[in-house]
Amino acid sequence: MDFPSRRGWPPCVPISGNILKDELAIKEFDFGTFVWAAQPGDKRYGLLAPDGTWKIEPRFETVGKLHGGRAIVCYGRPAGHKDQSAQHGLADATQCGVIDRDGQTILTPQRFRIQGYRNGFYRVAEDKKAGVLDEAGRLLGGRLFDDAILPDSGDVARILVDGRWVGLNRAGNVVPDPEDGKVLAVCPSGIKFRRNGSRIQVVGADEKPTVSYLFDDTYMTCKFPMSVRYNGKWGFLNKDGKLLVDPPSFQDQFNFINGYAGVKVQGKWGILDSNGMLAVAPQFDELGSDAGAYAVSKDGRKFWIDTSGREVSEPRRPEDRRSRLRCGADGGQRVSRNSNGTLLWGIADAAGNIVVEPKYRAITCFRDGLAWVPFDERREWCAIDRNERKRENGACVKNWADSNVADARAETMSDDPYESGVLWMRAELEYGLDLREKPPRFVSQF
């Protein structure tokens, strides 16, 4: 099908089985019924039917996709309308409403920007304030607040008033915060994290607080020692609910890895052990953990240290190495066997079953059902399928077919192009087995 010829637009392209003009700006509404579309050069969207007619003529500046049987639509004030809020930009000059699956209005335009709908509530915003509308568009509580969170269930939304979270019910009355007292997590050791106002309280199996502090509302896990924050200072909580260092006193930190964590004291970084003792005194301008070692900087020099502060070489990163052998989305990897002192390569699937026997000096992963392998008798690389049959309708090549990447090429490892590709791929695979210090390189062609 086509659009009426009077529009004079260029050829059509198919989308989800329908034919839509390729110069139209298209946004999702509910593909299969209607889509949002804007004509060339027009920033206003309308609702377009599969037959190319407008269910709603273009008039909306921002549109949303159908969710929960409704879509949010917004548009500017009428032409010539001027008031103080319009001087502050689009966010203040925008009115929003809601339409249903058939494009019928279910919430008339409001003076607020509608930002979401959930469980019979709309979240709205204006001038960095937020509020809650009910299904009929009534502003609950009669005003906007510092913030608002819509509930997944129940009859009470959360609003932030003067730094404190409270509840707002469907009648528009302020009620206690529905999240107050809610248990966020229960750990195997018996401690619980419970919401207390806008903070987190830690209690034991006896329901009594394990520490006197109410921590900031940060991400809580049962992996200990766990990072906690109190009045802008960081500390660590043990599995018994007690602090590793009391009170929390670190300016910054990163989580424990293998029994050690980085901590910042008076602007300098050091290393803390799981007993709460400083294994390395704070002295570094920068510190970061990587593969069991720490990258640090001090007095303008960057180097690596271990957990005792002794300077060491840059780590070998075994996980990075192993990733060189993996074959992407199918979960398989390249595998090897030793044949008279020479590593030969094949491919195994995600379950460890051999797909290609390890009998080639090198091998690429499968792509589009084909892997490339070198054939010494031909001095060429050829593509094989999962049954190890060589592709008959495709030409073999002198060098590995995937050696060119954008504006780079594999570094030359032999004057013979065939052997150079084999050696490059073998170096990549040997790096993955931790048999080589550095991986082979790609070299810029410019």
Protein backbone atom coordinates (compact mmCIF):
# COMPACT_ATOMS: atom_id res chain seq x y z
CA MET A 1 0.00 0.00 0.00
CA ASP A 2 1.08 3.62 -0.42
CA PHE A 3 0.31 7.03 0.93
CA PRO A 4 -1.95 9.39 -1.02
CA SER A 5 0.00 10.75 -3.96
CA ARG A 6 -0.84 14.34 -3.02
CA ARG A 7 1.85 14.16 -0.36
CA GLY A 8 4.50 13.71 -2.99
CA TRP A 9 6.91 11.86 -0.74
CA PRO A 10 9.66 9.52 -1.96
CA PRO A 11 9.67 5.68 -2.19
CA CYS A 12 8.40 3.50 0.66
CA VAL A 13 10.11 1.16 3.10
CA PRO A 14 8.45 -1.68 5.08
CA ILE A 15 8.24 -1.60 8.88
CA SER A 16 6.65 -4.53 10.78
CA GLY A 17 4.73 -5.61 7.73
CA ASN A 18 3.42 -2.11 6.94
CA ILE A 19 4.61 0.30 4.29
CA LEU A 20 5.87 3.60 5.65
CA LYS A 21 7.55 6.48 3.89
CA ASP A 22 11.29 6.44 4.45
CA GLU A 23 11.48 10.20 5.09
CA LEU A 24 8.99 10.04 7.94
CA ALA A 25 10.42 10.23 11.45
CA ILE A 26 9.03 7.10 13.11
CA LYS A 27 8.69 6.33 16.83
CA GLU A 28 7.12 3.30 18.44
CA PHE A 29 3.54 3.41 19.64
CA ASP A 30 2.28 -0.13 19.20
CA PHE A 31 3.76 -1.63 16.02
CA GLY A 32 1.15 -3.74 14.23
CA THR A 33 -1.57 -1.14 14.80
CA PHE A 34 -0.26 2.42 14.83
CA VAL A 35 3.07 4.24 14.91
CA TRP A 36 4.02 7.78 15.79
CA ALA A 37 5.17 9.66 12.70
CA ALA A 38 6.32 13.17 11.84
CA GLN A 39 6.36 14.62 8.35
CA PRO A 40 9.66 15.87 6.85
CA GLY A 41 10.77 19.11 8.49
CA ASP A 42 8.00 18.97 11.10
CA LYS A 43 8.78 18.33 14.77
CA ARG A 44 5.17 17.42 15.57
CA TYR A 45 4.11 13.78 15.75
CA GLY A 46 0.80 12.19 14.87
CA LEU A 47 -0.59 8.68 15.12
CA LEU A 48 -0.35 6.89 11.77
CA ALA A 49 -2.55 3.92 10.83
CA PRO A 50 -1.33 0.96 8.71
CA ASP A 51 -3.23 2.24 5.66
CA GLY A 52 -1.27 5.51 5.70
CA THR A 53 -4.02 7.68 7.16
CA TRP A 54 -3.69 9.76 10.29
CA LYS A 55 -5.54 8.43 13.31
CA ILE A 56 -4.40 11.61 15.07
CA GLU A 57 -3.12 14.50 12.98
CA PRO A 58 0.46 15.59 13.87
CA ARG A 59 0.33 17.99 16.84
CA PHE A 60 2.47 16.50 19.64
CA GLU A 61 6.04 17.61 20.32
CA THR A 62 6.95 14.54 22.41
CA VAL A 63 5.23 11.15 22.36
CA GLY A 64 5.56 7.89 24.28
CA LYS A 65 5.01 4.29 23.36
CA LEU A 66 2.00 2.37 24.59
CA HIS A 67 2.52 1.00 28.09
CA GLY A 68 -0.20 -0.37 30.32
CA GLY A 69 -2.80 0.56 27.72
CA ARG A 70 -1.85 4.24 27.64
CA ALA A 71 0.71 6.56 26.08
CA ILE A 72 1.89 9.97 27.29
CA VAL A 73 1.80 12.84 24.78
CA CYS A 74 3.05 16.41 25.25
CA TYR A 75 2.77 19.61 23.26
CA GLY A 76 3.54 23.29 23.68
CA ARG A 77 1.27 26.13 24.68
CA PRO A 78 -0.96 27.54 21.92
CA ALA A 79 0.63 29.96 19.46
CA GLY A 80 0.83 33.48 20.83
CA HIS A 81 0.44 32.32 24.44
CA LYS A 82 2.89 34.13 26.70
CA ASP A 83 3.41 33.85 30.41
CA GLN A 84 6.27 33.77 32.87
CA SER A 85 6.71 29.99 32.75
CA ALA A 86 7.08 30.02 28.97
CA GLN A 87 10.23 32.10 29.36
CA HIS A 88 11.96 29.20 31.14
CA GLY A 89 11.98 26.82 28.18
CA LEU A 90 10.13 23.80 26.83
CA ALA A 91 9.91 21.92 30.15
CA ASP A 92 7.79 24.72 31.66
CA ALA A 93 5.89 25.55 28.47
CA THR A 94 4.72 22.00 27.84
CA GLN A 95 1.34 20.48 28.56
CA CYS A 96 0.85 16.71 28.64
CA GLY A 97 -2.05 14.32 28.37
CA VAL A 98 -2.63 10.61 27.91
CA ILE A 99 -4.26 8.60 25.12
CA ASP A 100 -5.35 4.97 24.93
CA ARG A 101 -4.62 2.21 22.41
CA ASP A 102 -7.18 3.64 19.96
CA GLY A 103 -5.85 7.18 20.22
CA GLN A 104 -8.71 8.35 22.43
CA THR A 105 -7.95 10.85 25.19
CA ILE A 106 -8.10 9.33 28.67
CA LEU A 107 -6.40 12.21 30.50
CA THR A 108 -6.96 15.75 29.27
CA PRO A 109 -3.94 18.04 28.86
CA GLN A 110 -2.35 19.08 32.13
CA ARG A 111 -0.09 22.04 32.88
CA PHE A 112 2.58 19.61 34.08
CA ARG A 113 4.99 17.38 32.22
CA ILE A 114 3.81 13.82 32.83
CA GLN A 115 6.82 11.56 33.38
CA GLY A 116 5.29 8.16 34.06
CA TYR A 117 2.30 6.07 35.06
CA ARG A 118 2.09 3.18 37.51
CA ASN A 119 -0.64 1.49 39.54
CA GLY A 120 -3.21 4.25 38.99
CA PHE A 121 -0.85 7.17 39.66
CA TYR A 122 0.87 9.62 37.30
CA ARG A 123 4.18 11.27 38.20
CA VAL A 124 4.36 14.88 37.04
CA ALA A 125 7.06 17.55 37.18
CA GLU A 126 7.35 21.33 36.93
CA ASP A 127 10.13 23.74 37.93
CA LYS A 128 12.27 20.93 39.46
CA LYS A 129 9.38 19.85 41.64
CA ALA A 130 7.39 16.61 41.37
CA GLY A 131 3.84 15.61 42.14
CA VAL A 132 1.27 12.85 41.78
CA LEU A 133 -1.97 12.82 39.79
CA ASP A 134 -4.72 10.27 40.14
CA GLU A 135 -6.49 8.61 37.19
CA ALA A 136 -8.80 11.59 36.82
CA GLY A 137 -5.93 14.08 36.67
CA ARG A 138 -6.44 15.46 40.18
CA LEU A 139 -3.22 16.75 41.79
CA LEU A 140 -2.99 14.78 45.02
CA GLY A 141 -2.12 16.88 48.06
CA GLY A 142 -2.91 19.98 46.03
CA ARG A 143 0.75 20.82 45.32
CA LEU A 144 4.14 19.67 44.10
CA PHE A 145 6.88 18.27 46.32
CA ASP A 146 10.66 17.88 46.30
CA ASP A 147 10.37 14.40 44.74
CA ALA A 148 7.82 11.65 44.17
CA ILE A 149 7.99 7.88 43.65
CA LEU A 150 5.06 5.87 42.30
CA PRO A 151 4.23 2.54 43.98
CA ASP A 152 4.28 -0.81 42.20
CA SER A 153 1.29 -1.87 44.30
CA GLY A 154 -0.90 -0.52 47.09
CA ASP A 155 -2.60 2.83 47.51
CA VAL A 156 0.25 5.03 48.74
CA ALA A 157 2.89 6.91 46.72
CA ARG A 158 6.05 8.31 48.31
CA ILE A 159 6.82 12.04 48.38
CA LEU A 160 9.85 13.94 49.67
CA VAL A 161 8.98 16.88 51.92
CA ASP A 162 11.74 18.96 53.54
CA GLY A 163 14.26 16.11 53.22
CA ARG A 164 11.91 13.46 54.66
CA TRP A 165 10.01 10.76 52.81
CA VAL A 166 6.31 10.36 53.68
CA GLY A 167 3.32 8.73 52.02
CA LEU A 168 0.55 10.23 49.87
CA ASN A 169 -2.63 8.16 49.50
CA ARG A 170 -5.24 8.16 46.74
CA ALA A 171 -7.40 10.58 48.73
CA GLY A 172 -4.54 13.10 48.70
CA ASN A 173 -3.76 12.76 52.40
CA VAL A 174 -0.23 12.67 53.79
CA VAL A 175 0.34 9.37 55.63
CA PRO A 176 3.38 7.54 57.07
CA ASP A 177 6.02 6.43 54.59
CA PRO A 178 4.94 2.97 53.33
CA GLU A 179 8.60 1.98 53.05
CA ASP A 180 9.38 2.83 56.67
CA GLY A 181 10.28 -0.34 58.56
CA LYS A 182 10.46 -2.42 55.39
CA VAL A 183 13.13 -5.14 55.46
CA LEU A 184 15.32 -4.71 52.38
CA ALA A 185 17.49 -7.81 52.82
CA VAL A 186 18.05 -10.68 55.24
CA CYS A 187 21.57 -12.15 55.29
CA PRO A 188 22.53 -15.76 56.10
CA SER A 189 24.33 -14.50 59.21
CA GLY A 190 20.96 -13.32 60.55
CA ILE A 191 21.36 -9.57 60.21
CA LYS A 192 18.72 -7.52 58.41
CA PHE A 193 18.73 -4.20 56.63
CA ARG A 194 15.60 -2.23 57.49
CA ARG A 195 14.49 1.13 56.12
CA ASN A 196 14.24 3.82 58.78
CA GLY A 197 13.01 7.04 57.24
CA SER A 198 15.49 7.91 54.50
CA ARG A 199 18.23 5.82 56.12
CA ILE A 200 19.04 2.16 56.73
CA GLN A 201 19.12 0.46 60.11
CA VAL A 202 21.00 -2.80 60.72
CA VAL A 203 19.40 -5.26 63.16
CA GLY A 204 20.34 -8.75 64.28
CA ALA A 205 18.28 -11.93 64.50
CA ASP A 206 16.93 -10.63 67.82
CA GLU A 207 15.57 -7.53 65.99
CA LYS A 208 17.88 -5.28 68.03
CA PRO A 209 20.20 -2.77 66.29
CA THR A 210 23.75 -4.08 65.89
CA VAL A 211 25.20 -0.55 65.72
CA SER A 212 23.90 2.84 66.77
CA TYR A 213 24.28 4.40 63.33
CA LEU A 214 21.58 4.85 60.68
CA PHE A 215 23.44 4.52 57.38
CA ASP A 216 22.82 6.39 54.16
CA ASP A 217 20.53 4.64 51.71
CA THR A 218 23.19 2.99 49.53
CA TYR A 219 23.19 -0.42 47.86
CA MET A 220 23.08 -3.12 50.54
CA THR A 221 24.32 -6.67 49.92
CA CYS A 222 25.22 -9.69 52.07
CA LYS A 223 28.78 -9.75 50.78
CA PHE A 224 31.02 -8.83 53.69
CA PRO A 225 32.85 -6.71 54.63
CA MET A 226 30.24 -4.45 53.03
CA SER A 227 30.60 -0.75 52.29
CA VAL A 228 28.39 1.61 54.32
CA ARG A 229 28.24 5.39 54.58
CA TYR A 230 27.33 7.57 57.55
CA ASN A 231 27.19 11.36 57.35
CA GLY A 232 29.42 11.41 54.29
CA LYS A 233 32.09 9.08 55.71
CA TRP A 234 32.64 5.49 54.57
CA GLY A 235 33.16 2.34 56.58
CA PHE A 236 32.73 -1.44 56.34
CA LEU A 237 30.19 -3.68 58.00
CA ASN A 238 31.03 -7.24 59.06
CA LYS A 239 28.64 -10.19 58.80
CA ASP A 240 27.83 -9.84 62.52
CA GLY A 241 26.50 -6.32 61.83
CA LYS A 242 29.43 -4.61 63.58
CA LEU A 243 31.73 -2.08 61.95
CA LEU A 244 35.21 -3.09 60.90
CA VAL A 245 36.43 0.40 61.83
CA ASP A 246 34.23 2.37 64.22
CA PRO A 247 33.17 5.07 63.54
CA PRO A 248 33.08 5.24 59.70
CA SER A 249 35.98 7.56 58.90
CA PHE A 250 37.14 7.12 55.29
CA GLN A 251 36.73 9.87 52.73
CA ASP A 252 36.31 7.31 49.96
CA GLN A 253 36.79 3.57 49.41
CA PHE A 254 36.30 0.70 47.02
CA ASN A 255 34.99 -2.72 47.95
CA PHE A 256 37.02 -5.58 49.36
CA ILE A 257 38.67 -7.86 46.80
CA ASN A 258 40.49 -10.96 48.03
CA GLY A 259 40.57 -9.61 51.58
CA TYR A 260 41.77 -6.07 50.86
CA ALA A 261 40.13 -2.72 50.10
CA GLY A 262 41.35 0.67 49.02
CA VAL A 263 40.60 3.53 51.46
CA LYS A 264 41.16 7.27 51.32
CA VAL A 265 42.30 9.20 54.39
CA GLN A 266 43.10 12.93 54.35
CA GLY A 267 43.32 12.95 50.57
CA LYS A 268 45.65 9.94 50.24
CA TRP A 269 44.94 6.32 49.36
CA GLY A 270 46.06 3.23 51.27
CA ILE A 271 45.06 -0.43 51.63
CA LEU A 272 42.94 -1.87 54.44
CA ASP A 273 42.85 -5.59 55.34
CA SER A 274 39.78 -7.57 56.45
CA ASN A 275 40.78 -7.18 60.12
CA GLY A 276 40.42 -3.41 59.87
CA MET A 277 44.19 -2.80 59.90
CA LEU A 278 46.02 -0.66 57.37
CA ALA A 279 48.17 -3.03 55.31
CA VAL A 280 49.60 -0.06 53.40
CA ALA A 281 49.50 3.42 54.94
CA PRO A 282 47.64 6.13 52.97
CA GLN A 283 50.25 7.80 50.76
CA PHE A 284 49.13 7.53 47.13
CA ASP A 285 47.40 10.16 45.00
CA GLU A 286 45.57 7.45 43.04
CA LEU A 287 44.94 3.77 43.64
CA GLY A 288 43.05 1.12 41.68
CA SER A 289 42.75 -2.66 41.97
CA ASP A 290 43.45 -4.91 39.00
CA ALA A 291 44.07 -8.68 38.89
CA GLY A 292 45.40 -8.94 42.44
CA ALA A 293 47.68 -5.90 42.28
CA TYR A 294 47.19 -2.15 42.63
CA ALA A 295 47.94 0.61 40.15
CA VAL A 296 49.09 3.66 42.13
CA SER A 297 50.53 7.09 41.57
CA LYS A 298 52.82 9.00 43.92
CA ASP A 299 54.86 12.14 43.37
CA GLY A 300 53.92 12.10 39.69
CA ARG A 301 55.11 8.51 39.13
CA LYS A 302 52.75 5.64 38.24
CA PHE A 303 53.59 2.07 39.20
CA TRP A 304 52.18 -1.18 40.61
CA ILE A 305 52.24 -2.54 44.18
CA ASP A 306 51.05 -5.65 46.01
CA THR A 307 49.05 -5.74 49.25
CA SER A 308 52.20 -5.19 51.33
CA GLY A 309 53.14 -2.05 49.39
CA ARG A 310 56.03 -3.74 47.57
CA GLU A 311 56.51 -2.53 43.99
CA VAL A 312 55.68 -5.26 41.45
CA SER A 313 55.30 -5.72 37.70
CA GLU A 314 52.00 -5.07 35.96
CA PRO A 315 49.72 -8.12 36.45
CA ARG A 316 49.19 -10.68 33.69
CA ARG A 317 45.35 -10.54 33.90
CA PRO A 318 44.48 -14.23 33.38
CA GLU A 319 40.80 -13.50 32.71
CA ASP A 320 41.70 -11.11 29.90
CA ARG A 321 43.97 -13.78 28.48
CA ARG A 322 41.32 -16.51 28.66
CA SER A 323 38.82 -14.25 26.92
CA ARG A 324 41.01 -14.41 23.78
CA LEU A 325 40.03 -18.09 23.42
CA ARG A 326 36.28 -17.58 23.75
CA CYS A 327 34.02 -17.58 20.71
CA GLY A 328 31.33 -15.09 21.63
CA ALA A 329 27.59 -15.60 21.69
CA ASP A 330 27.58 -19.39 21.25
CA GLY A 331 29.60 -19.81 24.47
CA GLY A 332 32.21 -22.03 22.86
CA GLN A 333 35.95 -21.58 22.82
CA ARG A 334 39.08 -22.58 20.98
CA VAL A 335 40.88 -25.55 22.55
CA SER A 336 44.31 -27.13 22.05
CA ARG A 337 46.29 -30.35 22.37
CA ASN A 338 50.02 -30.94 22.33
CA SER A 339 51.28 -33.01 19.41
CA ASN A 340 55.01 -33.76 19.58
CA GLY A 341 55.72 -30.39 21.16
CA THR A 342 53.42 -28.41 18.83
CA LEU A 343 50.07 -27.00 19.94
CA LEU A 344 47.24 -27.87 17.54
CA TRP A 345 43.90 -26.08 17.74
CA GLY A 346 40.20 -26.84 17.39
CA ILE A 347 36.85 -25.62 18.78
CA ALA A 348 34.62 -26.89 21.61
CA ASP A 349 31.02 -25.85 22.30
CA ALA A 350 29.73 -24.32 25.55
CA ALA A 351 29.28 -27.78 27.09
CA GLY A 352 32.88 -28.73 26.31
CA ASN A 353 32.02 -31.05 23.41
CA ILE A 354 34.56 -30.98 20.60
CA VAL A 355 33.10 -29.41 17.45
CA VAL A 356 36.35 -29.22 15.47
CA GLU A 357 39.15 -31.61 16.44
CA PRO A 358 42.36 -29.88 17.59
CA LYS A 359 44.46 -30.63 14.53
CA TYR A 360 45.14 -27.23 12.97
CA ARG A 361 48.12 -24.96 13.59
CA ALA A 362 45.64 -22.10 14.12
CA ILE A 363 41.91 -21.49 13.87
CA THR A 364 39.42 -18.62 14.02
CA CYS A 365 36.05 -18.79 15.75
CA PHE A 366 32.96 -19.58 13.71
CA ARG A 367 31.30 -16.67 11.97
CA ASP A 368 28.23 -17.19 9.81
CA GLY A 369 28.76 -20.93 10.21
CA LEU A 370 32.37 -20.92 8.99
CA ALA A 371 35.79 -20.97 10.66
CA TRP A 372 39.08 -20.22 8.90
CA VAL A 373 42.03 -22.62 9.23
CA PRO A 374 45.45 -22.80 7.59
CA PHE A 375 46.30 -25.69 5.22
CA ASP A 376 50.08 -26.06 5.02
CA GLU A 377 49.93 -28.25 1.91
CA ARG A 378 48.14 -25.43 0.05
CA ARG A 379 49.86 -22.56 1.89
CA GLU A 380 46.42 -20.97 2.16
CA TRP A 381 43.68 -20.28 4.70
CA CYS A 382 40.33 -21.90 3.86
CA ALA A 383 36.88 -21.80 5.46
CA ILE A 384 35.40 -24.97 7.00
CA ASP A 385 31.93 -25.70 8.40
CA ARG A 386 31.08 -27.46 11.68
CA ASN A 387 31.55 -30.82 9.99
CA GLU A 388 35.07 -29.72 9.00
CA ARG A 389 34.13 -29.64 5.34
CA LYS A 390 35.97 -27.04 3.32
CA ARG A 391 33.72 -24.52 1.63
CA GLU A 392 33.85 -25.42 -2.04
CA ASN A 393 32.24 -22.29 -3.47
CA GLY A 394 34.56 -19.86 -1.74
CA ALA A 395 38.13 -18.96 -2.51
CA CYS A 396 40.93 -19.64 -0.04
CA VAL A 397 43.26 -16.77 0.85
CA LYS A 398 46.97 -16.39 1.47
CA ASN A 399 46.50 -14.65 4.81
CA TRP A 400 43.96 -14.99 7.59
CA ALA A 401 40.76 -13.44 6.27
CA ASP A 402 39.97 -11.54 9.47
CA SER A 403 43.39 -9.97 9.96
CA ASN A 404 42.26 -6.57 8.68
CA VAL A 405 40.32 -4.52 11.22
CA ALA A 406 39.05 -1.10 10.15
CA ASP A 407 42.13 1.09 9.72
CA ALA A 408 44.60 -1.45 11.15
CA ARG A 409 46.26 -4.69 10.08
CA ALA A 410 47.85 -7.57 11.95
CA GLU A 411 51.53 -6.99 12.57
CA THR A 412 53.87 -8.80 10.19
CA MET A 413 55.52 -11.86 11.72
CA SER A 414 57.02 -13.38 8.57
CA ASP A 415 57.92 -12.30 5.06
CA ASP A 416 55.63 -15.07 3.84
CA PRO A 417 52.02 -13.69 4.06
CA TYR A 418 50.59 -17.15 4.76
CA GLU A 419 53.06 -17.93 7.54
CA SER A 420 52.71 -14.42 8.97
CA GLY A 421 48.96 -14.96 9.45
CA VAL A 422 49.51 -18.36 11.04
CA LEU A 423 52.14 -17.01 13.45
CA TRP A 424 49.92 -14.03 14.37
CA MET A 425 46.96 -16.26 15.19
CA ARG A 426 49.14 -18.73 17.10
CA ALA A 427 50.52 -15.83 19.15
CA GLU A 428 46.96 -14.75 19.98
CA LEU A 429 46.04 -18.26 21.08
CA GLU A 430 49.24 -18.76 23.07
CA TYR A 431 48.60 -15.48 24.87
CA GLY A 432 45.20 -16.88 25.84
CA LEU A 433 46.96 -19.91 27.37
CA ASP A 434 49.34 -17.63 29.31
CA LEU A 435 52.29 -18.94 27.27
CA ARG A 436 53.22 -15.54 25.89
CA GLU A 437 54.02 -12.30 27.71
CA LYS A 438 52.17 -9.93 25.37
CA PRO A 439 49.44 -10.40 22.74
CA PRO A 440 50.15 -9.84 19.03
CA ARG A 441 49.44 -6.33 17.85
CA PHE A 442 47.35 -4.59 15.24
CA VAL A 443 49.27 -1.86 13.43
CA SER A 444 47.77 1.31 12.02
CA GLN A 445 47.76 1.55 8.24
CA PHE A 446 48.12 5.32 8.35
